[in-house]
Amino acid sequence: MTTPRRRLIRPAPSNPPNNALQLQKLRAKLEKDRQDLARWMARLKRAFTFVQKHQRRIARLECQIAKLGGT
């Protein structure tokens, strides 16, 4: 026969959370994440520009080759 599960009774937290301190930490995290995102967006923009530049170059070379009669 199975026994019913026991319910854990945990003591209440001794000190209540400090909302001002928690808010300050969250704002600091938000600022750091925004800076990280800005840095990655700059890298992504450079990479995207690099890809576009090379795609245009390849298309132009393919066009020139087609005009000269090669395939």
Protein backbone atom coordinates (compact mmCIF):
# COMPACT_ATOMS: atom_id res chain seq x y z
CA MET A 1 0.00 0.00 0.00
CA THR A 2 1.34 3.43 -0.86
CA THR A 3 1.65 6.23 1.62
CA PRO A 4 0.59 9.76 0.76
CA ARG A 5 3.33 12.27 0.02
CA ARG A 6 4.39 14.45 2.83
CA ARG A 7 4.19 18.17 2.40
CA LEU A 8 7.41 20.05 3.13
CA ILE A 9 7.00 22.94 5.49
CA ARG A 10 9.72 25.50 4.97
CA PRO A 11 10.39 28.31 7.41
CA ALA A 12 9.53 31.84 6.30
CA PRO A 13 12.46 33.96 5.10
CA SER A 14 14.14 35.71 8.00
CA ASN A 15 14.63 39.05 6.24
CA PRO A 16 12.21 40.43 3.65
CA PRO A 17 13.71 41.19 0.21
CA ASN A 18 14.85 44.76 -0.23
CA ASN A 19 12.95 46.02 -3.26
CA ALA A 20 15.21 49.04 -3.76
CA LEU A 21 18.32 46.85 -3.83
CA GLN A 22 16.67 44.34 -6.16
CA LEU A 23 15.52 47.15 -8.46
CA GLN A 24 19.04 48.59 -8.55
CA LYS A 25 20.50 45.19 -9.49
CA LEU A 26 17.92 44.68 -12.22
CA ARG A 27 18.61 48.12 -13.69
CA ALA A 28 22.35 47.40 -13.69
CA LYS A 29 21.71 44.09 -15.49
CA LEU A 30 19.48 45.84 -18.01
CA GLU A 31 22.15 48.46 -18.74
CA LYS A 32 24.82 45.78 -19.18
CA ASP A 33 22.59 43.76 -21.50
CA ARG A 34 21.83 46.86 -23.57
CA GLN A 35 25.54 47.58 -23.94
CA ASP A 36 26.21 43.97 -24.93
CA LEU A 37 23.42 44.11 -27.51
CA ALA A 38 24.74 47.38 -28.95
CA ARG A 39 28.20 45.85 -29.31
CA TRP A 40 26.83 42.75 -31.06
CA MET A 41 24.62 44.84 -33.32
CA ALA A 42 27.69 46.81 -34.45
CA ARG A 43 29.52 43.55 -35.22
CA LEU A 44 26.49 42.19 -37.04
CA LYS A 45 26.16 45.38 -39.09
CA ARG A 46 29.81 45.18 -40.16
CA ALA A 47 29.43 41.51 -41.09
CA PHE A 48 26.23 42.17 -43.05
CA THR A 49 27.89 45.03 -44.96
CA PHE A 50 30.84 42.75 -45.75
CA VAL A 51 28.50 40.09 -47.16
CA GLN A 52 26.55 42.62 -49.24
CA LYS A 53 29.77 44.04 -50.68
CA HIS A 54 31.00 40.62 -51.74
CA GLN A 55 27.62 39.60 -53.16
CA ARG A 56 27.61 42.73 -55.34
CA ARG A 57 31.17 42.02 -56.46
CA ILE A 58 30.33 38.40 -57.35
CA ALA A 59 27.20 39.45 -59.26
CA ARG A 60 29.19 42.04 -61.20
CA LEU A 61 31.90 39.50 -62.09
CA GLU A 62 29.29 36.92 -63.16
CA CYS A 63 27.65 39.53 -65.34
CA GLN A 64 30.97 40.45 -66.97
CA ILE A 65 31.75 36.78 -67.60
CA ALA A 66 28.31 36.28 -69.18
CA LYS A 67 28.83 39.28 -71.47
CA LEU A 68 32.17 37.93 -72.66
CA GLY A 69 30.45 34.67 -73.63
CA GLY A 70 31.73 32.32 -70.96
CA THR A 71 29.45 30.29 -68.76
